Every structure is written in C-alpha cells, then in structure tokens.
C-alpha atoms as a PDB file:
ATOM      1  CA  MET A   1     -50.714 -75.763  96.342  1.00  0.00           C
ATOM      2  CA  ALA A   2     -49.779 -72.387  97.804  1.00  0.00           C
ATOM      3  CA  GLY A   3     -46.203 -73.549  98.494  1.00  0.00           C
ATOM      4  CA  GLY A   4     -45.932 -74.955  94.980  1.00  0.00           C
ATOM      5  CA  GLY A   5     -47.124 -71.640  93.475  1.00  0.00           C
ATOM      6  CA  VAL A   6     -44.520 -69.698  95.453  1.00  0.00           C
ATOM      7  CA  ILE A   7     -41.729 -72.055  94.347  1.00  0.00           C
ATOM      8  CA  HIS A   8     -42.896 -71.778  90.734  1.00  0.00           C
ATOM      9  CA  GLN A   9     -42.802 -67.991  90.875  1.00  0.00           C
ATOM     10  CA  LEU A  10     -39.284 -68.015  92.391  1.00  0.00           C
ATOM     11  CA  LEU A  11     -37.992 -70.369  89.708  1.00  0.00           C
ATOM     12  CA  ARG A  12     -39.554 -68.206  87.016  1.00  0.00           C
ATOM     13  CA  ARG A  13     -37.881 -65.065  88.374  1.00  0.00           C
ATOM     14  CA  ASN A  14     -34.512 -66.833  88.536  1.00  0.00           C
ATOM     15  CA  LEU A  15     -34.857 -68.054  84.975  1.00  0.00           C
ATOM     16  CA  GLN A  16     -35.693 -64.529  83.787  1.00  0.00           C
ATOM     17  CA  SER A  17     -32.704 -63.076  85.685  1.00  0.00           C
ATOM     18  CA  TYR A  18     -30.264 -65.650  84.252  1.00  0.00           C
ATOM     19  CA  SER A  19     -31.737 -65.888  80.773  1.00  0.00           C
ATOM     20  CA  GLY A  20     -29.946 -64.393  77.722  1.00  0.00           C
ATOM     21  CA  VAL A  21     -31.288 -60.865  77.066  1.00  0.00           C
ATOM     22  CA  PRO A  22     -34.082 -58.794  78.612  1.00  0.00           C
ATOM     23  CA  PRO A  23     -37.100 -58.098  76.386  1.00  0.00           C
ATOM     24  CA  VAL A  24     -36.262 -54.418  75.937  1.00  0.00           C
ATOM     25  CA  LEU A  25     -32.636 -55.158  75.030  1.00  0.00           C
ATOM     26  CA  SER A  26     -33.737 -57.952  72.749  1.00  0.00           C
ATOM     27  CA  SER A  27     -36.035 -55.648  70.801  1.00  0.00           C
ATOM     28  CA  PHE A  28     -33.277 -53.024  70.599  1.00  0.00           C
ATOM     29  CA  THR A  29     -30.787 -55.610  69.318  1.00  0.00           C
ATOM     30  CA  SER A  30     -33.252 -56.831  66.727  1.00  0.00           C
ATOM     31  CA  LYS A  31     -33.916 -53.268  65.562  1.00  0.00           C
ATOM     32  CA  LYS A  32     -30.182 -52.543  65.342  1.00  0.00           C
ATOM     33  CA  PHE A  33     -29.662 -55.724  63.329  1.00  0.00           C
ATOM     34  CA  HIS A  34     -32.321 -54.659  60.844  1.00  0.00           C
ATOM     35  CA  ASP A  35     -30.853 -51.129  60.623  1.00  0.00           C
ATOM     36  CA  ASP A  36     -27.380 -52.562  59.938  1.00  0.00           C
ATOM     37  CA  ALA A  37     -28.797 -54.837  57.270  1.00  0.00           C
ATOM     38  CA  GLY A  38     -30.615 -51.886  55.689  1.00  0.00           C
ATOM     39  CA  SER A  39     -27.468 -49.702  55.710  1.00  0.00           C
ATOM     40  CA  VAL A  40     -25.447 -52.492  54.092  1.00  0.00           C
ATOM     41  CA  GLY A  41     -28.099 -52.829  51.436  1.00  0.00           C
ATOM     42  CA  MET A  42     -28.066 -49.062  50.787  1.00  0.00           C
ATOM     43  CA  ARG A  43     -24.285 -49.042  50.507  1.00  0.00           C
ATOM     44  CA  SER A  44     -24.407 -51.907  48.054  1.00  0.00           C
ATOM     45  CA  LEU A  45     -27.070 -50.115  46.044  1.00  0.00           C
ATOM     46  CA  ARG A  46     -25.002 -46.908  45.955  1.00  0.00           C
ATOM     47  CA  ALA A  47     -21.908 -48.841  44.892  1.00  0.00           C
ATOM     48  CA  PHE A  48     -23.830 -50.464  42.038  1.00  0.00           C
ATOM     49  CA  ALA A  49     -25.264 -47.057  41.045  1.00  0.00           C
ATOM     50  CA  LEU A  50     -21.802 -45.468  40.959  1.00  0.00           C
ATOM     51  CA  LEU A  51     -20.448 -48.413  38.982  1.00  0.00           C
ATOM     52  CA  GLY A  52     -23.315 -48.148  36.506  1.00  0.00           C
ATOM     53  CA  ALA A  53     -22.824 -44.392  36.142  1.00  0.00           C
ATOM     54  CA  GLY A  54     -19.097 -44.838  35.527  1.00  0.00           C
ATOM     55  CA  LEU A  55     -19.717 -47.566  32.965  1.00  0.00           C
ATOM     56  CA  SER A  56     -22.348 -45.443  31.219  1.00  0.00           C
ATOM     57  CA  GLY A  57     -19.972 -42.456  31.134  1.00  0.00           C
ATOM     58  CA  PHE A  58     -17.173 -44.578  29.679  1.00  0.00           C
ATOM     59  CA  LEU A  59     -19.454 -46.007  27.000  1.00  0.00           C
ATOM     60  CA  SER A  60     -20.763 -42.516  26.191  1.00  0.00           C
ATOM     61  CA  PHE A  61     -17.221 -41.167  25.875  1.00  0.00           C
ATOM     62  CA  ALA A  62     -16.272 -44.073  23.627  1.00  0.00           C
ATOM     63  CA  ALA A  63     -19.355 -43.459  21.470  1.00  0.00           C
ATOM     64  CA  VAL A  64     -18.590 -39.730  21.189  1.00  0.00           C
ATOM     65  CA  ALA A  65     -14.956 -40.441  20.322  1.00  0.00           C
ATOM     66  CA  SER A  66     -16.039 -42.959  17.684  1.00  0.00           C
ATOM     67  CA  ALA A  67     -18.561 -40.506  16.210  1.00  0.00           C
ATOM     68  CA  ASP A  68     -15.951 -37.728  16.258  1.00  0.00           C
ATOM     69  CA  GLU A  69     -13.471 -39.948  14.421  1.00  0.00           C
ATOM     70  CA  ALA A  70     -16.145 -40.937  11.907  1.00  0.00           C
ATOM     71  CA  GLU A  71     -17.051 -37.278  11.307  1.00  0.00           C
ATOM     72  CA  HIS A  72     -13.582 -35.740  11.198  1.00  0.00           C
ATOM     73  CA  GLY A  73     -11.473 -38.693  10.111  1.00  0.00           C
ATOM     74  CA  LEU A  74      -8.244 -39.726  11.756  1.00  0.00           C
ATOM     75  CA  GLU A  75      -6.914 -37.425  14.450  1.00  0.00           C
ATOM     76  CA  CYS A  76      -4.166 -35.080  13.280  1.00  0.00           C
ATOM     77  CA  PRO A  77      -0.838 -35.101  15.132  1.00  0.00           C
ATOM     78  CA  SER A  78      -0.611 -32.340  17.712  1.00  0.00           C
ATOM     79  CA  TYR A  79       2.259 -29.870  17.449  1.00  0.00           C
ATOM     80  CA  PRO A  80       3.559 -27.442  20.094  1.00  0.00           C
ATOM     81  CA  TRP A  81       2.528 -24.157  18.492  1.00  0.00           C
ATOM     82  CA  PRO A  82       4.536 -21.361  20.125  1.00  0.00           C
ATOM     83  CA  HIS A  83       1.574 -18.990  20.440  1.00  0.00           C
ATOM     84  CA  ASN A  84      -0.665 -21.372  22.406  1.00  0.00           C
ATOM     85  CA  GLY A  85       0.834 -20.580  25.811  1.00  0.00           C
ATOM     86  CA  ILE A  86      -0.911 -18.395  28.354  1.00  0.00           C
ATOM     87  CA  LEU A  87       1.595 -15.566  27.998  1.00  0.00           C
ATOM     88  CA  SER A  88       2.916 -16.488  24.539  1.00  0.00           C
ATOM     89  CA  SER A  89       2.619 -14.258  21.479  1.00  0.00           C
ATOM     90  CA  TYR A  90       2.689 -14.778  17.741  1.00  0.00           C
ATOM     91  CA  ASP A  91       5.886 -15.265  15.806  1.00  0.00           C
ATOM     92  CA  HIS A  92       5.626 -12.125  13.684  1.00  0.00           C
ATOM     93  CA  ALA A  93       8.424 -13.167  11.332  1.00  0.00           C
ATOM     94  CA  SER A  94       6.532 -16.391  10.715  1.00  0.00           C
ATOM     95  CA  ILE A  95       3.326 -14.410  10.080  1.00  0.00           C
ATOM     96  CA  ARG A  96       5.140 -12.340   7.453  1.00  0.00           C
ATOM     97  CA  ARG A  97       6.516 -15.419   5.712  1.00  0.00           C
ATOM     98  CA  GLY A  98       3.104 -17.116   5.909  1.00  0.00           C
ATOM     99  CA  HIS A  99       1.474 -14.106   4.264  1.00  0.00           C
ATOM    100  CA  GLN A 100       4.010 -14.278   1.466  1.00  0.00           C
ATOM    101  CA  VAL A 101       3.205 -17.951   0.887  1.00  0.00           C
ATOM    102  CA  TYR A 102      -0.512 -17.177   0.899  1.00  0.00           C
ATOM    103  CA  GLN A 103      -0.082 -14.259  -1.484  1.00  0.00           C
ATOM    104  CA  GLN A 104       2.008 -16.234  -3.965  1.00  0.00           C
ATOM    105  CA  VAL A 105       0.255 -19.616  -3.793  1.00  0.00           C
ATOM    106  CA  CYS A 106      -3.010 -19.759  -1.837  1.00  0.00           C
ATOM    107  CA  ALA A 107      -4.541 -16.461  -2.985  1.00  0.00           C
ATOM    108  CA  SER A 108      -5.007 -17.780  -6.514  1.00  0.00           C
ATOM    109  CA  CYS A 109      -7.937 -19.908  -5.250  1.00  0.00           C
ATOM    110  CA  HIS A 110      -8.752 -18.950  -1.657  1.00  0.00           C
ATOM    111  CA  SER A 111     -10.061 -15.616  -0.432  1.00  0.00           C
ATOM    112  CA  MET A 112      -9.652 -13.893   2.937  1.00  0.00           C
ATOM    113  CA  SER A 113     -12.614 -11.561   2.845  1.00  0.00           C
ATOM    114  CA  LEU A 114     -12.444 -10.554   6.535  1.00  0.00           C
ATOM    115  CA  ILE A 115      -8.870  -9.227   6.486  1.00  0.00           C
ATOM    116  CA  SER A 116      -7.930  -5.696   5.458  1.00  0.00           C
ATOM    117  CA  TYR A 117      -4.477  -4.444   4.528  1.00  0.00           C
ATOM    118  CA  ARG A 118      -4.407  -2.183   7.569  1.00  0.00           C
ATOM    119  CA  ASP A 119      -4.562  -5.270   9.782  1.00  0.00           C
ATOM    120  CA  LEU A 120      -1.031  -6.142   8.664  1.00  0.00           C
ATOM    121  CA  VAL A 121       0.437  -2.833   9.869  1.00  0.00           C
ATOM    122  CA  GLY A 122       2.623  -3.408  12.926  1.00  0.00           C
ATOM    123  CA  VAL A 123       2.102  -7.158  12.742  1.00  0.00           C
ATOM    124  CA  ALA A 124       4.034  -8.258   9.668  1.00  0.00           C
ATOM    125  CA  TYR A 125       4.835  -5.054   7.742  1.00  0.00           C
ATOM    126  CA  THR A 126       5.411  -1.374   8.287  1.00  0.00           C
ATOM    127  CA  GLU A 127       2.805   1.155   7.211  1.00  0.00           C
ATOM    128  CA  GLU A 128       4.813   2.156   4.133  1.00  0.00           C
ATOM    129  CA  GLU A 129       5.236  -1.462   3.032  1.00  0.00           C
ATOM    130  CA  THR A 130       1.542  -2.141   3.497  1.00  0.00           C
ATOM    131  CA  LYS A 131       0.536   0.968   1.539  1.00  0.00           C
ATOM    132  CA  ALA A 132       2.798  -0.064  -1.338  1.00  0.00           C
ATOM    133  CA  MET A 133       1.335  -3.561  -1.254  1.00  0.00           C
ATOM    134  CA  ALA A 134      -2.240  -2.270  -1.290  1.00  0.00           C
ATOM    135  CA  ALA A 135      -1.496   0.110  -4.161  1.00  0.00           C
ATOM    136  CA  GLU A 136      -0.618  -2.850  -6.393  1.00  0.00           C
ATOM    137  CA  ILE A 137      -4.260  -3.925  -6.672  1.00  0.00           C
ATOM    138  CA  GLU A 138      -7.094  -2.260  -8.569  1.00  0.00           C
ATOM    139  CA  VAL A 139     -10.342  -1.732  -6.686  1.00  0.00           C
ATOM    140  CA  VAL A 140     -13.699  -1.039  -8.324  1.00  0.00           C
ATOM    141  CA  ASP A 141     -15.241   1.913  -6.510  1.00  0.00           C
ATOM    142  CA  GLY A 142     -17.978   4.403  -7.045  1.00  0.00           C
ATOM    143  CA  PRO A 143     -20.240   5.687  -8.253  1.00  0.00           C
ATOM    144  CA  ASN A 144     -18.609   9.052  -8.975  1.00  0.00           C
ATOM    145  CA  ASP A 145     -20.351  12.363  -9.503  1.00  0.00           C
ATOM    146  CA  GLU A 146     -21.460  11.182 -12.938  1.00  0.00           C
ATOM    147  CA  GLY A 147     -22.965   7.970 -11.548  1.00  0.00           C
ATOM    148  CA  GLU A 148     -20.323   5.703 -13.054  1.00  0.00           C
ATOM    149  CA  MET A 149     -18.116   3.098 -11.399  1.00  0.00           C
ATOM    150  CA  PHE A 150     -14.358   3.562 -11.607  1.00  0.00           C
ATOM    151  CA  THR A 151     -11.179   1.779 -10.600  1.00  0.00           C
ATOM    152  CA  ARG A 152      -8.603   3.141  -8.217  1.00  0.00           C
ATOM    153  CA  PRO A 153      -5.434   1.892  -6.531  1.00  0.00           C
ATOM    154  CA  GLY A 154      -5.987   0.003  -3.322  1.00  0.00           C
ATOM    155  CA  LYS A 155      -5.536   1.585   0.079  1.00  0.00           C
ATOM    156  CA  LEU A 156      -5.154   0.383   3.656  1.00  0.00           C
ATOM    157  CA  SER A 157      -8.874   0.158   4.359  1.00  0.00           C
ATOM    158  CA  ASP A 158      -9.510  -2.245   1.450  1.00  0.00           C
ATOM    159  CA  ARG A 159      -9.993  -5.961   2.025  1.00  0.00           C
ATOM    160  CA  PHE A 160      -7.839  -8.594   0.394  1.00  0.00           C
ATOM    161  CA  PRO A 161      -8.870  -9.068  -3.260  1.00  0.00           C
ATOM    162  CA  GLN A 162     -11.175 -11.919  -4.221  1.00  0.00           C
ATOM    163  CA  PRO A 163      -9.734 -14.495  -6.647  1.00  0.00           C
ATOM    164  CA  TYR A 164     -13.121 -14.985  -8.362  1.00  0.00           C
ATOM    165  CA  SER A 165     -15.967 -12.626  -9.098  1.00  0.00           C
ATOM    166  CA  ASN A 166     -18.637 -14.982  -7.679  1.00  0.00           C
ATOM    167  CA  GLU A 167     -19.194 -18.496  -6.351  1.00  0.00           C
ATOM    168  CA  GLN A 168     -20.239 -19.924  -9.705  1.00  0.00           C
ATOM    169  CA  ALA A 169     -16.979 -18.807 -11.308  1.00  0.00           C
ATOM    170  CA  ALA A 170     -15.023 -20.336  -8.422  1.00  0.00           C
ATOM    171  CA  ARG A 171     -16.800 -23.679  -8.774  1.00  0.00           C
ATOM    172  CA  PHE A 172     -16.363 -23.712 -12.540  1.00  0.00           C
ATOM    173  CA  ALA A 173     -12.619 -23.101 -12.222  1.00  0.00           C
ATOM    174  CA  ASN A 174     -12.170 -25.832  -9.597  1.00  0.00           C
ATOM    175  CA  GLY A 175     -14.216 -28.684 -11.046  1.00  0.00           C
ATOM    176  CA  GLY A 176     -17.338 -27.968  -8.989  1.00  0.00           C
ATOM    177  CA  ALA A 177     -15.538 -27.531  -5.660  1.00  0.00           C
ATOM    178  CA  TYR A 178     -15.785 -24.195  -3.878  1.00  0.00           C
ATOM    179  CA  PRO A 179     -12.483 -23.089  -2.269  1.00  0.00           C
ATOM    180  CA  PRO A 180     -13.265 -22.025   1.316  1.00  0.00           C
ATOM    181  CA  ASP A 181     -12.470 -18.614   2.669  1.00  0.00           C
ATOM    182  CA  LEU A 182      -9.380 -18.786   4.880  1.00  0.00           C
ATOM    183  CA  SER A 183     -10.111 -15.904   7.240  1.00  0.00           C
ATOM    184  CA  LEU A 184     -11.396 -18.192  10.019  1.00  0.00           C
ATOM    185  CA  ILE A 185     -10.241 -21.567   8.739  1.00  0.00           C
ATOM    186  CA  THR A 186      -8.279 -22.446  11.893  1.00  0.00           C
ATOM    187  CA  LYS A 187     -11.429 -21.824  13.947  1.00  0.00           C
ATOM    188  CA  ALA A 188     -13.883 -23.422  11.529  1.00  0.00           C
ATOM    189  CA  ARG A 189     -12.132 -26.798  11.326  1.00  0.00           C
ATOM    190  CA  HIS A 190     -11.824 -29.427  14.025  1.00  0.00           C
ATOM    191  CA  ASN A 191      -8.343 -29.174  15.583  1.00  0.00           C
ATOM    192  CA  GLY A 192      -7.833 -26.323  13.147  1.00  0.00           C
ATOM    193  CA  GLN A 193      -4.130 -25.522  13.316  1.00  0.00           C
ATOM    194  CA  ASN A 194      -3.004 -29.148  13.242  1.00  0.00           C
ATOM    195  CA  TYR A 195      -5.554 -29.896  10.524  1.00  0.00           C
ATOM    196  CA  VAL A 196      -4.272 -27.126   8.252  1.00  0.00           C
ATOM    197  CA  PHE A 197      -0.647 -28.084   8.878  1.00  0.00           C
ATOM    198  CA  ALA A 198      -1.343 -31.757   8.093  1.00  0.00           C
ATOM    199  CA  LEU A 199      -3.170 -30.716   4.931  1.00  0.00           C
ATOM    200  CA  LEU A 200      -0.391 -28.404   3.766  1.00  0.00           C
ATOM    201  CA  THR A 201       2.402 -30.873   4.408  1.00  0.00           C
ATOM    202  CA  GLY A 202       0.551 -33.415   2.278  1.00  0.00           C
ATOM    203  CA  TYR A 203       1.644 -31.557  -0.865  1.00  0.00           C
ATOM    204  CA  ARG A 204       4.930 -32.730  -2.293  1.00  0.00           C
ATOM    205  CA  ASP A 205       5.934 -30.473  -5.161  1.00  0.00           C
ATOM    206  CA  PRO A 206       5.587 -26.671  -4.918  1.00  0.00           C
ATOM    207  CA  PRO A 207       4.562 -24.725  -8.021  1.00  0.00           C
ATOM    208  CA  ALA A 208       7.461 -24.436 -10.436  1.00  0.00           C
ATOM    209  CA  GLY A 209       9.112 -21.065 -10.800  1.00  0.00           C
ATOM    210  CA  VAL A 210       7.383 -19.488  -7.805  1.00  0.00           C
ATOM    211  CA  SER A 211       9.568 -17.537  -5.368  1.00  0.00           C
ATOM    212  CA  ILE A 212       7.821 -17.174  -2.038  1.00  0.00           C
ATOM    213  CA  ARG A 213      10.676 -16.181   0.264  1.00  0.00           C
ATOM    214  CA  GLU A 214      12.459 -12.949   0.855  1.00  0.00           C
ATOM    215  CA  ASP A 215      14.622 -13.917   3.849  1.00  0.00           C
ATOM    216  CA  SER A 216      17.149 -16.652   4.572  1.00  0.00           C
ATOM    217  CA  THR A 217      14.708 -19.045   6.240  1.00  0.00           C
ATOM    218  CA  PRO A 218      14.836 -22.442   4.514  1.00  0.00           C
ATOM    219  CA  ALA A 219      11.768 -22.913   2.319  1.00  0.00           C
ATOM    220  CA  THR A 220      11.109 -26.462   3.448  1.00  0.00           C
ATOM    221  CA  GLU A 221       7.682 -28.011   3.340  1.00  0.00           C
ATOM    222  CA  ALA A 222       7.300 -28.097   7.126  1.00  0.00           C
ATOM    223  CA  GLN A 223       8.592 -24.533   7.524  1.00  0.00           C
ATOM    224  CA  MET A 224       6.222 -23.144   4.917  1.00  0.00           C
ATOM    225  CA  GLY A 225       3.337 -25.093   6.437  1.00  0.00           C
ATOM    226  CA  LYS A 226       4.163 -23.711   9.866  1.00  0.00           C
ATOM    227  CA  ASP A 227       4.366 -20.145   8.519  1.00  0.00           C
ATOM    228  CA  VAL A 228       1.024 -20.420   6.736  1.00  0.00           C
ATOM    229  CA  VAL A 229      -0.629 -21.820   9.875  1.00  0.00           C
ATOM    230  CA  SER A 230       0.833 -18.969  11.938  1.00  0.00           C
ATOM    231  CA  PHE A 231      -0.529 -16.442   9.456  1.00  0.00           C
ATOM    232  CA  LEU A 232      -3.977 -18.053   9.361  1.00  0.00           C
ATOM    233  CA  SER A 233      -4.071 -18.355  13.156  1.00  0.00           C
ATOM    234  CA  TRP A 234      -3.350 -14.646  13.442  1.00  0.00           C
ATOM    235  CA  ALA A 235      -5.998 -13.892  10.792  1.00  0.00           C
ATOM    236  CA  ALA A 236      -8.599 -15.867  12.756  1.00  0.00           C
ATOM    237  CA  GLU A 237      -7.695 -14.239  16.097  1.00  0.00           C
ATOM    238  CA  PRO A 238      -5.712 -11.012  15.611  1.00  0.00           C
ATOM    239  CA  GLU A 239      -6.628  -9.719  19.094  1.00  0.00           C
ATOM    240  CA  MET A 240      -5.056 -12.698  20.898  1.00  0.00           C
ATOM    241  CA  GLU A 241      -1.911 -10.883  22.047  1.00  0.00           C
ATOM    242  CA  GLU A 242      -3.852  -7.870  23.291  1.00  0.00           C
ATOM    243  CA  ARG A 243      -6.288 -10.145  25.120  1.00  0.00           C
ATOM    244  CA  LYS A 244      -3.500 -12.042  26.883  1.00  0.00           C
ATOM    245  CA  LEU A 245      -1.726  -8.824  27.835  1.00  0.00           C
ATOM    246  CA  MET A 246      -4.962  -7.357  29.201  1.00  0.00           C
ATOM    247  CA  GLY A 247      -5.604 -10.533  31.204  1.00  0.00           C
ATOM    248  CA  PHE A 248      -2.119 -10.369  32.729  1.00  0.00           C
ATOM    249  CA  LYS A 249      -2.678  -6.706  33.681  1.00  0.00           C
ATOM    250  CA  TRP A 250      -6.010  -7.501  35.328  1.00  0.00           C
ATOM    251  CA  ILE A 251      -4.513 -10.405  37.273  1.00  0.00           C
ATOM    252  CA  PHE A 252      -1.769  -8.086  38.559  1.00  0.00           C
ATOM    253  CA  VAL A 253      -4.234  -5.335  39.543  1.00  0.00           C
ATOM    254  CA  LEU A 254      -6.619  -7.760  41.254  1.00  0.00           C
ATOM    255  CA  SER A 255      -3.708  -9.328  43.147  1.00  0.00           C
ATOM    256  CA  LEU A 256      -2.771  -5.903  44.521  1.00  0.00           C
ATOM    257  CA  ALA A 257      -6.414  -5.289  45.448  1.00  0.00           C
ATOM    258  CA  LEU A 258      -6.537  -8.657  47.226  1.00  0.00           C
ATOM    259  CA  PHE A 259      -3.455  -7.867  49.313  1.00  0.00           C
ATOM    260  CA  GLN A 260      -4.868  -4.438  50.171  1.00  0.00           C
ATOM    261  CA  ALA A 261      -8.209  -5.938  51.193  1.00  0.00           C
ATOM    262  CA  ALA A 262      -6.485  -8.546  53.365  1.00  0.00           C
ATOM    263  CA  TYR A 263      -4.357  -5.894  55.093  1.00  0.00           C
ATOM    264  CA  TYR A 264      -7.377  -3.627  55.665  1.00  0.00           C
ATOM    265  CA  ARG A 265      -9.373  -6.522  57.088  1.00  0.00           C
ATOM    266  CA  ARG A 266      -6.619  -7.373  59.529  1.00  0.00           C
ATOM    267  CA  LEU A 267      -6.136  -3.719  60.502  1.00  0.00           C
ATOM    268  CA  LYS A 268      -9.861  -3.019  60.872  1.00  0.00           C
ATOM    269  CA  TRP A 269     -11.104  -6.170  62.546  1.00  0.00           C
ATOM    270  CA  SER A 270      -8.087  -7.349  64.522  1.00  0.00           C
ATOM    271  CA  VAL A 271      -9.089  -5.146  67.485  1.00  0.00           C
ATOM    272  CA  LEU A 272     -12.618  -6.515  67.537  1.00  0.00           C
ATOM    273  CA  LYS A 273     -11.617 -10.134  67.037  1.00  0.00           C
ATOM    274  CA  SER A 274      -8.897 -10.082  69.682  1.00  0.00           C
ATOM    275  CA  ARG A 275     -10.825  -8.249  72.415  1.00  0.00           C
ATOM    276  CA  LYS A 276     -11.761 -10.068  75.606  1.00  0.00           C
ATOM    277  CA  LEU A 277     -15.266  -9.841  77.042  1.00  0.00           C
ATOM    278  CA  VAL A 278     -15.639 -10.272  80.821  1.00  0.00           C
ATOM    279  CA  LEU A 279     -19.058 -11.025  82.281  1.00  0.00           C
ATOM    280  CA  ASP A 280     -19.522  -9.748  85.807  1.00  0.00           C
ATOM    281  CA  VAL A 281     -22.265 -11.916  87.228  1.00  0.00           C
ATOM    282  CA  VAL A 282     -21.980 -10.467  90.747  1.00  0.00           C
ATOM    283  CA  ASN A 283     -22.914  -6.891  89.911  1.00  0.00           C
END
C-alpha cells in the first residue's frame, strides 16, 4: 500500500508537469480572454454610437435644409460679388449708378430711413454734388420762434425723404402691401444680395421714359440689378471697408509684435536653456 501510494504521487506530479497550462497561467489566460472580449464589445458599441450620431446629424441637416427651403423658397443662384473678399472694397462707381436707379425708380415706393445724404459724401458723390442733391428736397422743420412749423431746403444731415407720410398711406397706394424699407434689406433677407439681385432681374420692362444713367455703362437688366445690389449692400454696411482696413492693420501690427516676442524669448532664455549643469557627487 505504501509503495502504491508513492507511485501514485509520482504519476500525479508527472501529469501535472506535462499537462497543458498551470493553474495560475490558466486563470490569467481566462481573464485575458474575457478582457479581450469586453474590449471588442466596447469597440463595437462605440462604432455603433458613432454611426448613429453621424446618421442623426445627416438627418438633422436634411431636415433643416428642407425647412429652410420651405421657409425661404428655392435657393437663389450665388454670384461672385466683388466686395465679398477679405481685402476687397466696394465698387464706388457701381454704388453711384445704383443710387441713381434707386432715386429714379425704387424711391417712389421704398424708403431708406437710416441713410443720410452726408453718408454719400466720398463714397459716390463729392460734397458739392451731395449738397446740391439734398437742396432739391423740402424738409418740414420747426417749430420756429413763433411756434409754427416751416419748410426748408434739405441739407447733408437730413435723411432720405419718405415716399409716403405714414404706413396706412403706403398700404393704400400699394393694394394693402407695405413696401419694406431698403436700408438693411440685404441683411434682413436670407442670402440677401443674391435674393435682391434675383428679384430685380425678374422685371422685364423698365418704366417708360425714365433715364437712370449718366455715364456710358450699358443700362442692361443685369447691370442695373448689380448696381442696385451694390448700393444696398453699402447702405446696409457702410463701415465694411474701414473694418477690413483696420483688421489688416491689426494683423500687421500683431505680426510684428509676434516676431519681436519670439526674438526676445530666444535672446533672453537661450542662455538659460543651453547651460550645462554638472553635479559633483564627490565633494
């Protein structure tokens, strides 16, 4: 019995030494297998989450585009307006022609209550031309020393005249529709400049007997539409050129300051960053 027990123990040790994996390694392998399975599951879950987020974003964009089209109608064609560049400015000759078209055609129904005659000085006309233009209108002013209102010739500080005395008169003259003010029309409408141009080029026949040009530029429909849009774009944002010029100046100044700061940093800290520290452990 004792010899049989010894032989049994020897066989058991040999089987353990030649068997597949030790118990510790087996548990480690099992744990690693479960961790790998969990990481694969997490990656799959993340992939599905990203796919769902992308699909939701696409559907949301499609819904917004559909709602935008339903609200604003068909998208207007986009045109390369010359003043839309970063360093581009207005076409001042086009602004002058656009003002002439507005004055001869559009001003009979539409007002521009936020624009004064002095805003045109240096942009489309000289000061003398603008003063002569303003003097052609009659402005109700007062009261005088006797407490009565009076009329006087217009001056540079006056706003553009209103075509109607009040909103009710405007609606009565236009079949119930109220002509919008054009001071900010290119900002108030979706895709404003292209919208106004598409609207203006929809008219076919200009008013008969109306002369709206004083230079040799062809008075085509597209050219007049472009000039009016240029004028209205300037009216909605007259400070655009000054803002772009100021931005360019600031970029130039900050670039110089950046180069100066970089040079000072290298001059000031190069000695400290390039020094060598020696540690004497003996002494």
